Amino acid sequence: MDRDSVLAVVERHIQAELDADFDAIIATFSPDPYWKLLPQGRVFEGHAAIRYWYESVIGGLARLNGRSELLGMWSGDDAVVRRDYIEHDIPNGRCRFEVMSLIMVDADAVIAEMAYGWPDASLIALGFSA
């Protein structure tokens, strides 16, 4: 794929996330995708598991007065790297952090997404165990 095609797939994926349109998010993924959270090593494989992740995170961030901001985006012929700032409420204040995400694309679909730097305090506030 060329760079413009990869960016178009990722932009469609990100817009679906921003719209909290879970059907549209899943429609951007290939038939056998995975979503990985590092360094925790959590892996969500397949559409049902990935949908659970997105529903938990997007719903949780809305409930916790969350906000995010794109800090940068870089692309190649088969992947995009994003740097995002995220913050939301936690029991004793606000959790603020940056996440680097690698979104890999093939044949007009996201085949994998890996996020680096999501802190345990945020995961716990979103309802996941650390």
C-alpha atoms as a PDB file:
ATOM      1  CA  MET A   1       0.000   0.000   0.000  1.00  0.00           C
ATOM      2  CA  ASP A   2       1.128   3.548  -0.520  1.00  0.00           C
ATOM      3  CA  ARG A   3       1.364   6.098   2.266  1.00  0.00           C
ATOM      4  CA  ASP A   4      -1.824   7.977   1.296  1.00  0.00           C
ATOM      5  CA  SER A   5      -3.863   4.746   1.331  1.00  0.00           C
ATOM      6  CA  VAL A   6      -2.496   3.805   4.746  1.00  0.00           C
ATOM      7  CA  LEU A   7      -3.329   7.268   6.111  1.00  0.00           C
ATOM      8  CA  ALA A   8      -6.878   7.027   4.703  1.00  0.00           C
ATOM      9  CA  VAL A   9      -7.484   3.717   6.530  1.00  0.00           C
ATOM     10  CA  VAL A  10      -6.090   5.073   9.812  1.00  0.00           C
ATOM     11  CA  GLU A  11      -8.023   8.339   9.525  1.00  0.00           C
ATOM     12  CA  ARG A  12     -11.262   6.360   9.008  1.00  0.00           C
ATOM     13  CA  HIS A  13     -10.340   4.228  12.059  1.00  0.00           C
ATOM     14  CA  ILE A  14      -9.573   7.264  14.259  1.00  0.00           C
ATOM     15  CA  GLN A  15     -12.742   9.078  13.184  1.00  0.00           C
ATOM     16  CA  ALA A  16     -14.804   6.034  14.195  1.00  0.00           C
ATOM     17  CA  GLU A  17     -13.057   6.114  17.600  1.00  0.00           C
ATOM     18  CA  LEU A  18     -13.797   9.831  18.030  1.00  0.00           C
ATOM     19  CA  ASP A  19     -17.434   9.222  17.071  1.00  0.00           C
ATOM     20  CA  ALA A  20     -17.623   6.283  19.545  1.00  0.00           C
ATOM     21  CA  ASP A  21     -19.096   4.265  16.663  1.00  0.00           C
ATOM     22  CA  PHE A  22     -18.153   0.751  17.705  1.00  0.00           C
ATOM     23  CA  ASP A  23     -19.527  -0.909  14.564  1.00  0.00           C
ATOM     24  CA  ALA A  24     -17.493   1.478  12.399  1.00  0.00           C
ATOM     25  CA  ILE A  25     -14.373   0.898  14.523  1.00  0.00           C
ATOM     26  CA  ILE A  26     -14.631  -2.869  14.101  1.00  0.00           C
ATOM     27  CA  ALA A  27     -15.323  -2.439  10.372  1.00  0.00           C
ATOM     28  CA  THR A  28     -11.869  -0.852   9.979  1.00  0.00           C
ATOM     29  CA  PHE A  29     -10.158  -4.046  11.201  1.00  0.00           C
ATOM     30  CA  SER A  30      -9.088  -7.042   9.122  1.00  0.00           C
ATOM     31  CA  PRO A  31     -10.759 -10.439   9.700  1.00  0.00           C
ATOM     32  CA  ASP A  32      -8.144 -11.605  12.274  1.00  0.00           C
ATOM     33  CA  PRO A  33      -6.839  -8.486  14.048  1.00  0.00           C
ATOM     34  CA  TYR A  34      -5.233  -7.948  17.410  1.00  0.00           C
ATOM     35  CA  TRP A  35      -4.867  -4.996  19.796  1.00  0.00           C
ATOM     36  CA  LYS A  36      -1.932  -5.079  22.207  1.00  0.00           C
ATOM     37  CA  LEU A  37      -1.290  -2.968  25.300  1.00  0.00           C
ATOM     38  CA  LEU A  38       2.355  -2.699  26.332  1.00  0.00           C
ATOM     39  CA  PRO A  39       4.186  -3.000  28.656  1.00  0.00           C
ATOM     40  CA  GLN A  40       1.333  -4.838  30.390  1.00  0.00           C
ATOM     41  CA  GLY A  41       1.262  -7.471  27.655  1.00  0.00           C
ATOM     42  CA  ARG A  42      -2.523  -7.477  27.327  1.00  0.00           C
ATOM     43  CA  VAL A  43      -3.665  -8.783  23.971  1.00  0.00           C
ATOM     44  CA  PHE A  44      -7.169  -8.518  22.562  1.00  0.00           C
ATOM     45  CA  GLU A  45      -7.525 -10.880  19.606  1.00  0.00           C
ATOM     46  CA  GLY A  46     -10.457 -10.887  17.212  1.00  0.00           C
ATOM     47  CA  HIS A  47     -13.367  -8.534  16.721  1.00  0.00           C
ATOM     48  CA  ALA A  48     -15.275  -9.413  19.922  1.00  0.00           C
ATOM     49  CA  ALA A  49     -12.267  -8.874  22.210  1.00  0.00           C
ATOM     50  CA  ILE A  50     -11.254  -5.659  20.448  1.00  0.00           C
ATOM     51  CA  ARG A  51     -14.815  -4.343  20.646  1.00  0.00           C
ATOM     52  CA  TYR A  52     -14.810  -5.060  24.412  1.00  0.00           C
ATOM     53  CA  TRP A  53     -11.582  -3.007  24.757  1.00  0.00           C
ATOM     54  CA  TYR A  54     -13.001  -0.066  22.824  1.00  0.00           C
ATOM     55  CA  GLU A  55     -16.356  -0.085  24.617  1.00  0.00           C
ATOM     56  CA  SER A  56     -14.566  -0.173  27.975  1.00  0.00           C
ATOM     57  CA  VAL A  57     -12.053   2.544  27.140  1.00  0.00           C
ATOM     58  CA  ILE A  58     -14.262   4.960  25.217  1.00  0.00           C
ATOM     59  CA  GLY A  59     -17.144   4.528  27.658  1.00  0.00           C
ATOM     60  CA  GLY A  60     -14.783   4.782  30.608  1.00  0.00           C
ATOM     61  CA  LEU A  61     -13.077   7.929  29.361  1.00  0.00           C
ATOM     62  CA  ALA A  62     -16.461   9.589  28.861  1.00  0.00           C
ATOM     63  CA  ARG A  63     -17.511   8.585  32.396  1.00  0.00           C
ATOM     64  CA  LEU A  64     -14.188   9.827  33.835  1.00  0.00           C
ATOM     65  CA  ASN A  65     -14.233  13.257  32.166  1.00  0.00           C
ATOM     66  CA  GLY A  66     -11.541  12.162  29.735  1.00  0.00           C
ATOM     67  CA  ARG A  67      -9.937  14.080  26.938  1.00  0.00           C
ATOM     68  CA  SER A  68      -7.249  13.362  24.392  1.00  0.00           C
ATOM     69  CA  GLU A  69      -5.088  15.375  22.055  1.00  0.00           C
ATOM     70  CA  LEU A  70      -3.070  14.268  19.046  1.00  0.00           C
ATOM     71  CA  LEU A  71       0.547  15.354  19.540  1.00  0.00           C
ATOM     72  CA  GLY A  72       1.962  13.881  16.339  1.00  0.00           C
ATOM     73  CA  MET A  73       1.464  11.319  13.598  1.00  0.00           C
ATOM     74  CA  TRP A  74       3.970   9.675  11.261  1.00  0.00           C
ATOM     75  CA  SER A  75       3.267   7.227   8.461  1.00  0.00           C
ATOM     76  CA  GLY A  76       4.940   4.767   6.142  1.00  0.00           C
ATOM     77  CA  ASP A  77       3.804   2.269   3.529  1.00  0.00           C
ATOM     78  CA  ASP A  78       2.235  -0.162   6.011  1.00  0.00           C
ATOM     79  CA  ALA A  79       1.838   1.587   9.371  1.00  0.00           C
ATOM     80  CA  VAL A  80       1.163   4.817  11.240  1.00  0.00           C
ATOM     81  CA  VAL A  81       2.660   5.887  14.554  1.00  0.00           C
ATOM     82  CA  ARG A  82       0.596   8.254  16.704  1.00  0.00           C
ATOM     83  CA  ARG A  83       1.572  10.148  19.834  1.00  0.00           C
ATOM     84  CA  ASP A  84      -1.437  11.137  21.956  1.00  0.00           C
ATOM     85  CA  TYR A  85      -1.899  12.954  25.253  1.00  0.00           C
ATOM     86  CA  ILE A  86      -4.706  11.512  27.395  1.00  0.00           C
ATOM     87  CA  GLU A  87      -6.088  12.589  30.738  1.00  0.00           C
ATOM     88  CA  HIS A  88      -9.033  11.583  32.899  1.00  0.00           C
ATOM     89  CA  ASP A  89     -10.262  11.503  36.477  1.00  0.00           C
ATOM     90  CA  ILE A  90      -9.024   8.890  38.932  1.00  0.00           C
ATOM     91  CA  PRO A  91     -10.105   8.513  42.585  1.00  0.00           C
ATOM     92  CA  ASN A  92      -7.389  10.856  43.891  1.00  0.00           C
ATOM     93  CA  GLY A  93      -7.181  13.437  41.085  1.00  0.00           C
ATOM     94  CA  ARG A  94      -6.314  13.292  37.388  1.00  0.00           C
ATOM     95  CA  CYS A  95      -4.272  10.773  35.447  1.00  0.00           C
ATOM     96  CA  ARG A  96      -2.220  12.406  32.661  1.00  0.00           C
ATOM     97  CA  PHE A  97      -0.074  10.476  30.218  1.00  0.00           C
ATOM     98  CA  GLU A  98       1.214  10.118  26.685  1.00  0.00           C
ATOM     99  CA  VAL A  99       0.664   7.027  24.572  1.00  0.00           C
ATOM    100  CA  MET A 100       2.514   5.953  21.437  1.00  0.00           C
ATOM    101  CA  SER A 101       0.416   3.774  19.150  1.00  0.00           C
ATOM    102  CA  LEU A 102       1.558   1.722  16.187  1.00  0.00           C
ATOM    103  CA  ILE A 103      -1.317   1.019  13.791  1.00  0.00           C
ATOM    104  CA  MET A 104      -0.443  -1.551  11.117  1.00  0.00           C
ATOM    105  CA  VAL A 105      -2.433  -1.680   7.885  1.00  0.00           C
ATOM    106  CA  ASP A 106      -2.748  -4.188   5.064  1.00  0.00           C
ATOM    107  CA  ALA A 107      -5.288  -4.473   2.241  1.00  0.00           C
ATOM    108  CA  ASP A 108      -7.289  -1.423   3.343  1.00  0.00           C
ATOM    109  CA  ALA A 109      -7.787  -2.651   6.925  1.00  0.00           C
ATOM    110  CA  VAL A 110      -6.124  -2.314  10.326  1.00  0.00           C
ATOM    111  CA  ILE A 111      -4.428  -5.639  11.081  1.00  0.00           C
ATOM    112  CA  ALA A 112      -3.021  -4.659  14.478  1.00  0.00           C
ATOM    113  CA  GLU A 113      -2.760  -1.806  16.917  1.00  0.00           C
ATOM    114  CA  MET A 114      -0.221  -1.633  19.725  1.00  0.00           C
ATOM    115  CA  ALA A 115      -0.251   1.073  22.402  1.00  0.00           C
ATOM    116  CA  TYR A 116       2.804   1.829  24.517  1.00  0.00           C
ATOM    117  CA  GLY A 117       2.717   3.722  27.785  1.00  0.00           C
ATOM    118  CA  TRP A 118      -0.804   3.292  29.189  1.00  0.00           C
ATOM    119  CA  PRO A 119      -0.371   3.526  33.003  1.00  0.00           C
ATOM    120  CA  ASP A 120      -1.848   1.010  35.428  1.00  0.00           C
ATOM    121  CA  ALA A 121      -3.676   3.772  37.368  1.00  0.00           C
ATOM    122  CA  SER A 122      -5.670   4.560  34.244  1.00  0.00           C
ATOM    123  CA  LEU A 123      -6.465   0.914  33.538  1.00  0.00           C
ATOM    124  CA  ILE A 124      -7.732   0.429  37.092  1.00  0.00           C
ATOM    125  CA  ALA A 125      -9.959   3.537  36.820  1.00  0.00           C
ATOM    126  CA  LEU A 126     -11.322   2.146  33.522  1.00  0.00           C
ATOM    127  CA  GLY A 127     -12.256  -1.106  35.241  1.00  0.00           C
ATOM    128  CA  PHE A 128      -9.320  -3.334  34.278  1.00  0.00           C
ATOM    129  CA  SER A 129      -6.987  -5.029  36.749  1.00  0.00           C
ATOM    130  CA  ALA A 130      -3.389  -3.805  36.771  1.00  0.00           C
END
